[in-house]
Amino acid sequence: MATITIDDKEYDTETLSDDAKNQLQSINFVDQELARLNAQAAVLQTARIAYAKALNDALGTDLVFNS
């Protein structure tokens, strides 16, 4: 028996209506996508910092690039 807690109330997932199960599945999907996109954004930000540093090194400057 799996349970979920929403607003401090526990629900048995096996007894949820089909609509509630579908909504829960959608929430789980969105949460996973948000986590994936946040991880991708972190990778891209790290790459941007490295490229900006390389550009500064190539130009012989100490410029700061903000997005």
PDB file of N, CA and C in Angstrom:
ATOM      1  N   MET A   1       0.844  -1.172   0.000  1.00  0.00           N
ATOM      2  CA  MET A   1       0.000   0.000   0.000  1.00  0.00           C
ATOM      3  C   MET A   1       0.895   1.242   0.000  1.00  0.00           C
ATOM      4  N   ALA A   2       0.819   1.999  -1.058  1.00  0.00           N
ATOM      5  CA  ALA A   2       1.565   3.247  -1.142  1.00  0.00           C
ATOM      6  C   ALA A   2       0.662   4.397  -0.732  1.00  0.00           C
ATOM      7  N   THR A   3       1.261   5.339  -0.037  1.00  0.00           N
ATOM      8  CA  THR A   3       0.485   6.505   0.371  1.00  0.00           C
ATOM      9  C   THR A   3       1.201   7.773  -0.075  1.00  0.00           C
ATOM     10  N   ILE A   4       0.423   8.826  -0.229  1.00  0.00           N
ATOM     11  CA  ILE A   4       0.956  10.157  -0.480  1.00  0.00           C
ATOM     12  C   ILE A   4       0.359  11.094   0.553  1.00  0.00           C
ATOM     13  N   THR A   5       1.083  12.147   0.859  1.00  0.00           N
ATOM     14  CA  THR A   5       0.595  13.127   1.825  1.00  0.00           C
ATOM     15  C   THR A   5       0.401  14.459   1.114  1.00  0.00           C
ATOM     16  N   ILE A   6      -0.804  14.977   1.195  1.00  0.00           N
ATOM     17  CA  ILE A   6      -1.149  16.267   0.602  1.00  0.00           C
ATOM     18  C   ILE A   6      -1.817  17.097   1.689  1.00  0.00           C
ATOM     19  N   ASP A   7      -1.251  18.267   1.934  1.00  0.00           N
ATOM     20  CA  ASP A   7      -1.788  19.153   2.983  1.00  0.00           C
ATOM     21  C   ASP A   7      -1.954  18.424   4.310  1.00  0.00           C
ATOM     22  N   ASP A   8      -0.901  17.686   4.684  1.00  0.00           N
ATOM     23  CA  ASP A   8      -0.864  16.958   5.961  1.00  0.00           C
ATOM     24  C   ASP A   8      -1.912  15.849   6.074  1.00  0.00           C
ATOM     25  N   LYS A   9      -2.469  15.432   4.961  1.00  0.00           N
ATOM     26  CA  LYS A   9      -3.439  14.333   4.986  1.00  0.00           C
ATOM     27  C   LYS A   9      -2.909  13.212   4.106  1.00  0.00           C
ATOM     28  N   GLU A  10      -2.934  11.979   4.629  1.00  0.00           N
ATOM     29  CA  GLU A  10      -2.431  10.828   3.888  1.00  0.00           C
ATOM     30  C   GLU A  10      -3.544  10.203   3.047  1.00  0.00           C
ATOM     31  N   TYR A  11      -3.160   9.785   1.842  1.00  0.00           N
ATOM     32  CA  TYR A  11      -4.086   9.130   0.924  1.00  0.00           C
ATOM     33  C   TYR A  11      -3.467   7.818   0.451  1.00  0.00           C
ATOM     34  N   ASP A  12      -4.259   6.789   0.407  1.00  0.00           N
ATOM     35  CA  ASP A  12      -3.841   5.508  -0.160  1.00  0.00           C
ATOM     36  C   ASP A  12      -3.971   5.628  -1.671  1.00  0.00           C
ATOM     37  N   THR A  13      -2.857   5.509  -2.379  1.00  0.00           N
ATOM     38  CA  THR A  13      -2.889   5.719  -3.834  1.00  0.00           C
ATOM     39  C   THR A  13      -3.747   4.679  -4.556  1.00  0.00           C
ATOM     40  N   GLU A  14      -3.912   3.531  -3.949  1.00  0.00           N
ATOM     41  CA  GLU A  14      -4.719   2.491  -4.589  1.00  0.00           C
ATOM     42  C   GLU A  14      -6.211   2.821  -4.567  1.00  0.00           C
ATOM     43  N   THR A  15      -6.618   3.697  -3.671  1.00  0.00           N
ATOM     44  CA  THR A  15      -8.039   4.011  -3.567  1.00  0.00           C
ATOM     45  C   THR A  15      -8.399   5.329  -4.255  1.00  0.00           C
ATOM     46  N   LEU A  16      -7.411   5.982  -4.859  1.00  0.00           N
ATOM     47  CA  LEU A  16      -7.695   7.236  -5.563  1.00  0.00           C
ATOM     48  C   LEU A  16      -8.532   6.971  -6.809  1.00  0.00           C
ATOM     49  N   SER A  17      -9.319   7.950  -7.190  1.00  0.00           N
ATOM     50  CA  SER A  17     -10.088   7.827  -8.427  1.00  0.00           C
ATOM     51  C   SER A  17      -9.114   7.850  -9.606  1.00  0.00           C
ATOM     52  N   ASP A  18      -9.583   7.409 -10.761  1.00  0.00           N
ATOM     53  CA  ASP A  18      -8.743   7.426 -11.956  1.00  0.00           C
ATOM     54  C   ASP A  18      -8.294   8.849 -12.282  1.00  0.00           C
ATOM     55  N   ASP A  19      -9.207   9.803 -12.110  1.00  0.00           N
ATOM     56  CA  ASP A  19      -8.858  11.191 -12.381  1.00  0.00           C
ATOM     57  C   ASP A  19      -7.749  11.664 -11.435  1.00  0.00           C
ATOM     58  N   ALA A  20      -7.867  11.339 -10.156  1.00  0.00           N
ATOM     59  CA  ALA A  20      -6.847  11.729  -9.182  1.00  0.00           C
ATOM     60  C   ALA A  20      -5.516  11.060  -9.502  1.00  0.00           C
ATOM     61  N   LYS A  21      -5.548   9.797  -9.901  1.00  0.00           N
ATOM     62  CA  LYS A  21      -4.313   9.093 -10.285  1.00  0.00           C
ATOM     63  C   LYS A  21      -3.669   9.759 -11.491  1.00  0.00           C
ATOM     64  N   ASN A  22      -4.484  10.165 -12.458  1.00  0.00           N
ATOM     65  CA  ASN A  22      -3.952  10.840 -13.648  1.00  0.00           C
ATOM     66  C   ASN A  22      -3.326  12.179 -13.279  1.00  0.00           C
ATOM     67  N   GLN A  23      -3.980  12.924 -12.392  1.00  0.00           N
ATOM     68  CA  GLN A  23      -3.439  14.213 -11.963  1.00  0.00           C
ATOM     69  C   GLN A  23      -2.124  14.020 -11.202  1.00  0.00           C
ATOM     70  N   LEU A  24      -2.063  13.015 -10.371  1.00  0.00           N
ATOM     71  CA  LEU A  24      -0.845  12.703  -9.625  1.00  0.00           C
ATOM     72  C   LEU A  24       0.288  12.324 -10.580  1.00  0.00           C
ATOM     73  N   GLN A  25      -0.053  11.526 -11.583  1.00  0.00           N
ATOM     74  CA  GLN A  25       0.939  11.135 -12.589  1.00  0.00           C
ATOM     75  C   GLN A  25       1.448  12.373 -13.337  1.00  0.00           C
ATOM     76  N   SER A  26       0.566  13.295 -13.651  1.00  0.00           N
ATOM     77  CA  SER A  26       0.962  14.528 -14.335  1.00  0.00           C
ATOM     78  C   SER A  26       1.870  15.375 -13.457  1.00  0.00           C
ATOM     79  N   ILE A  27       1.544  15.463 -12.185  1.00  0.00           N
ATOM     80  CA  ILE A  27       2.391  16.215 -11.251  1.00  0.00           C
ATOM     81  C   ILE A  27       3.777  15.583 -11.168  1.00  0.00           C
ATOM     82  N   ASN A  28       3.830  14.271 -11.084  1.00  0.00           N
ATOM     83  CA  ASN A  28       5.125  13.581 -11.021  1.00  0.00           C
ATOM     84  C   ASN A  28       5.936  13.833 -12.286  1.00  0.00           C
ATOM     85  N   PHE A  29       5.290  13.796 -13.435  1.00  0.00           N
ATOM     86  CA  PHE A  29       5.969  14.061 -14.698  1.00  0.00           C
ATOM     87  C   PHE A  29       6.533  15.471 -14.720  1.00  0.00           C
ATOM     88  N   VAL A  30       5.716  16.441 -14.327  1.00  0.00           N
ATOM     89  CA  VAL A  30       6.156  17.841 -14.319  1.00  0.00           C
ATOM     90  C   VAL A  30       7.312  18.033 -13.337  1.00  0.00           C
ATOM     91  N   ASP A  31       7.233  17.432 -12.173  1.00  0.00           N
ATOM     92  CA  ASP A  31       8.324  17.533 -11.201  1.00  0.00           C
ATOM     93  C   ASP A  31       9.626  16.978 -11.771  1.00  0.00           C
ATOM     94  N   GLN A  32       9.542  15.848 -12.470  1.00  0.00           N
ATOM     95  CA  GLN A  32      10.730  15.252 -13.075  1.00  0.00           C
ATOM     96  C   GLN A  32      11.292  16.147 -14.182  1.00  0.00           C
ATOM     97  N   GLU A  33      10.407  16.721 -14.983  1.00  0.00           N
ATOM     98  CA  GLU A  33      10.853  17.624 -16.050  1.00  0.00           C
ATOM     99  C   GLU A  33      11.507  18.876 -15.475  1.00  0.00           C
ATOM    100  N   LEU A  34      10.926  19.428 -14.418  1.00  0.00           N
ATOM    101  CA  LEU A  34      11.516  20.602 -13.775  1.00  0.00           C
ATOM    102  C   LEU A  34      12.908  20.273 -13.231  1.00  0.00           C
ATOM    103  N   ALA A  35      13.057  19.127 -12.621  1.00  0.00           N
ATOM    104  CA  ALA A  35      14.362  18.715 -12.101  1.00  0.00           C
ATOM    105  C   ALA A  35      15.360  18.556 -13.243  1.00  0.00           C
ATOM    106  N   ARG A  36      14.924  17.957 -14.342  1.00  0.00           N
ATOM    107  CA  ARG A  36      15.802  17.777 -15.503  1.00  0.00           C
ATOM    108  C   ARG A  36      16.213  19.118 -16.084  1.00  0.00           C
ATOM    109  N   LEU A  37      15.258  20.028 -16.225  1.00  0.00           N
ATOM    110  CA  LEU A  37      15.551  21.340 -16.791  1.00  0.00           C
ATOM    111  C   LEU A  37      16.437  22.168 -15.862  1.00  0.00           C
ATOM    112  N   ASN A  38      16.226  22.064 -14.563  1.00  0.00           N
ATOM    113  CA  ASN A  38      17.091  22.762 -13.611  1.00  0.00           C
ATOM    114  C   ASN A  38      18.521  22.243 -13.686  1.00  0.00           C
ATOM    115  N   ALA A  39      18.677  20.939 -13.830  1.00  0.00           N
ATOM    116  CA  ALA A  39      20.011  20.363 -13.970  1.00  0.00           C
ATOM    117  C   ALA A  39      20.646  20.824 -15.282  1.00  0.00           C
ATOM    118  N   GLN A  40      19.869  20.859 -16.344  1.00  0.00           N
ATOM    119  CA  GLN A  40      20.379  21.322 -17.633  1.00  0.00           C
ATOM    120  C   GLN A  40      20.771  22.798 -17.550  1.00  0.00           C
ATOM    121  N   ALA A  41      19.976  23.605 -16.877  1.00  0.00           N
ATOM    122  CA  ALA A  41      20.294  25.022 -16.719  1.00  0.00           C
ATOM    123  C   ALA A  41      21.602  25.192 -15.951  1.00  0.00           C
ATOM    124  N   ALA A  42      21.828  24.378 -14.932  1.00  0.00           N
ATOM    125  CA  ALA A  42      23.074  24.452 -14.168  1.00  0.00           C
ATOM    126  C   ALA A  42      24.271  24.111 -15.044  1.00  0.00           C
ATOM    127  N   VAL A  43      24.135  23.111 -15.887  1.00  0.00           N
ATOM    128  CA  VAL A  43      25.208  22.736 -16.804  1.00  0.00           C
ATOM    129  C   VAL A  43      25.482  23.873 -17.783  1.00  0.00           C
ATOM    130  N   LEU A  44      24.432  24.464 -18.325  1.00  0.00           N
ATOM    131  CA  LEU A  44      24.603  25.555 -19.280  1.00  0.00           C
ATOM    132  C   LEU A  44      25.211  26.785 -18.627  1.00  0.00           C
ATOM    133  N   GLN A  45      24.827  27.077 -17.398  1.00  0.00           N
ATOM    134  CA  GLN A  45      25.405  28.222 -16.692  1.00  0.00           C
ATOM    135  C   GLN A  45      26.893  27.987 -16.437  1.00  0.00           C
ATOM    136  N   THR A  46      27.245  26.769 -16.071  1.00  0.00           N
ATOM    137  CA  THR A  46      28.654  26.435 -15.862  1.00  0.00           C
ATOM    138  C   THR A  46      29.439  26.595 -17.158  1.00  0.00           C
ATOM    139  N   ALA A  47      28.867  26.134 -18.262  1.00  0.00           N
ATOM    140  CA  ALA A  47      29.527  26.283 -19.563  1.00  0.00           C
ATOM    141  C   ALA A  47      29.675  27.752 -19.921  1.00  0.00           C
ATOM    142  N   ARG A  48      28.659  28.541 -19.660  1.00  0.00           N
ATOM    143  CA  ARG A  48      28.714  29.977 -19.974  1.00  0.00           C
ATOM    144  C   ARG A  48      29.837  30.655 -19.201  1.00  0.00           C
ATOM    145  N   ILE A  49      29.969  30.306 -17.936  1.00  0.00           N
ATOM    146  CA  ILE A  49      31.042  30.876 -17.123  1.00  0.00           C
ATOM    147  C   ILE A  49      32.406  30.503 -17.698  1.00  0.00           C
ATOM    148  N   ALA A  50      32.543  29.255 -18.099  1.00  0.00           N
ATOM    149  CA  ALA A  50      33.824  28.809 -18.679  1.00  0.00           C
ATOM    150  C   ALA A  50      34.110  29.530 -19.988  1.00  0.00           C
ATOM    151  N   TYR A  51      33.101  29.693 -20.837  1.00  0.00           N
ATOM    152  CA  TYR A  51      33.296  30.413 -22.100  1.00  0.00           C
ATOM    153  C   TYR A  51      33.638  31.873 -21.852  1.00  0.00           C
ATOM    154  N   ALA A  52      32.982  32.506 -20.897  1.00  0.00           N
ATOM    155  CA  ALA A  52      33.275  33.903 -20.579  1.00  0.00           C
ATOM    156  C   ALA A  52      34.704  34.046 -20.068  1.00  0.00           C
ATOM    157  N   LYS A  53      35.151  33.093 -19.238  1.00  0.00           N
ATOM    158  CA  LYS A  53      36.524  33.127 -18.746  1.00  0.00           C
ATOM    159  C   LYS A  53      37.501  32.953 -19.898  1.00  0.00           C
ATOM    160  N   ALA A  54      37.211  32.018 -20.794  1.00  0.00           N
ATOM    161  CA  ALA A  54      38.085  31.794 -21.951  1.00  0.00           C
ATOM    162  C   ALA A  54      38.139  33.037 -22.834  1.00  0.00           C
ATOM    163  N   LEU A  55      37.010  33.710 -23.004  1.00  0.00           N
ATOM    164  CA  LEU A  55      36.990  34.946 -23.787  1.00  0.00           C
ATOM    165  C   LEU A  55      37.828  36.017 -23.110  1.00  0.00           C
ATOM    166  N   ASN A  56      37.664  36.160 -21.802  1.00  0.00           N
ATOM    167  CA  ASN A  56      38.481  37.124 -21.061  1.00  0.00           C
ATOM    168  C   ASN A  56      39.963  36.817 -21.228  1.00  0.00           C
ATOM    169  N   ASP A  57      40.326  35.534 -21.138  1.00  0.00           N
ATOM    170  CA  ASP A  57      41.723  35.141 -21.305  1.00  0.00           C
ATOM    171  C   ASP A  57      42.207  35.464 -22.718  1.00  0.00           C
ATOM    172  N   ALA A  58      41.368  35.204 -23.718  1.00  0.00           N
ATOM    173  CA  ALA A  58      41.743  35.462 -25.111  1.00  0.00           C
ATOM    174  C   ALA A  58      41.902  36.957 -25.374  1.00  0.00           C
ATOM    175  N   LEU A  59      41.096  37.756 -24.697  1.00  0.00           N
ATOM    176  CA  LEU A  59      41.164  39.210 -24.889  1.00  0.00           C
ATOM    177  C   LEU A  59      42.189  39.858 -23.964  1.00  0.00           C
ATOM    178  N   GLY A  60      42.676  39.106 -22.998  1.00  0.00           N
ATOM    179  CA  GLY A  60      43.596  39.672 -22.038  1.00  0.00           C
ATOM    180  C   GLY A  60      42.951  40.698 -21.146  1.00  0.00           C
ATOM    181  N   THR A  61      41.690  40.490 -20.850  1.00  0.00           N
ATOM    182  CA  THR A  61      40.938  41.443 -20.035  1.00  0.00           C
ATOM    183  C   THR A  61      40.370  40.765 -18.803  1.00  0.00           C
ATOM    184  N   ASP A  62      39.721  41.551 -18.009  1.00  0.00           N
ATOM    185  CA  ASP A  62      39.034  41.035 -16.818  1.00  0.00           C
ATOM    186  C   ASP A  62      37.585  41.497 -16.842  1.00  0.00           C
ATOM    187  N   LEU A  63      36.936  41.368 -18.008  1.00  0.00           N
ATOM    188  CA  LEU A  63      35.549  41.785 -18.171  1.00  0.00           C
ATOM    189  C   LEU A  63      34.628  40.833 -17.424  1.00  0.00           C
ATOM    190  N   VAL A  64      33.483  41.342 -17.055  1.00  0.00           N
ATOM    191  CA  VAL A  64      32.463  40.521 -16.423  1.00  0.00           C
ATOM    192  C   VAL A  64      31.258  40.496 -17.360  1.00  0.00           C
ATOM    193  N   PHE A  65      30.837  39.303 -17.715  1.00  0.00           N
ATOM    194  CA  PHE A  65      29.688  39.152 -18.604  1.00  0.00           C
ATOM    195  C   PHE A  65      28.495  38.674 -17.802  1.00  0.00           C
ATOM    196  N   ASN A  66      27.464  39.474 -17.777  1.00  0.00           N
ATOM    197  CA  ASN A  66      26.225  39.104 -17.078  1.00  0.00           C
ATOM    198  C   ASN A  66      25.155  38.812 -18.098  1.00  0.00           C
ATOM    199  N   SER A  67      24.315  37.879 -17.777  1.00  0.00           N
ATOM    200  CA  SER A  67      23.203  37.603 -18.689  1.00  0.00           C
ATOM    201  C   SER A  67      21.956  38.280 -18.222  1.00  0.00           C
TER     202      SER A  67
END
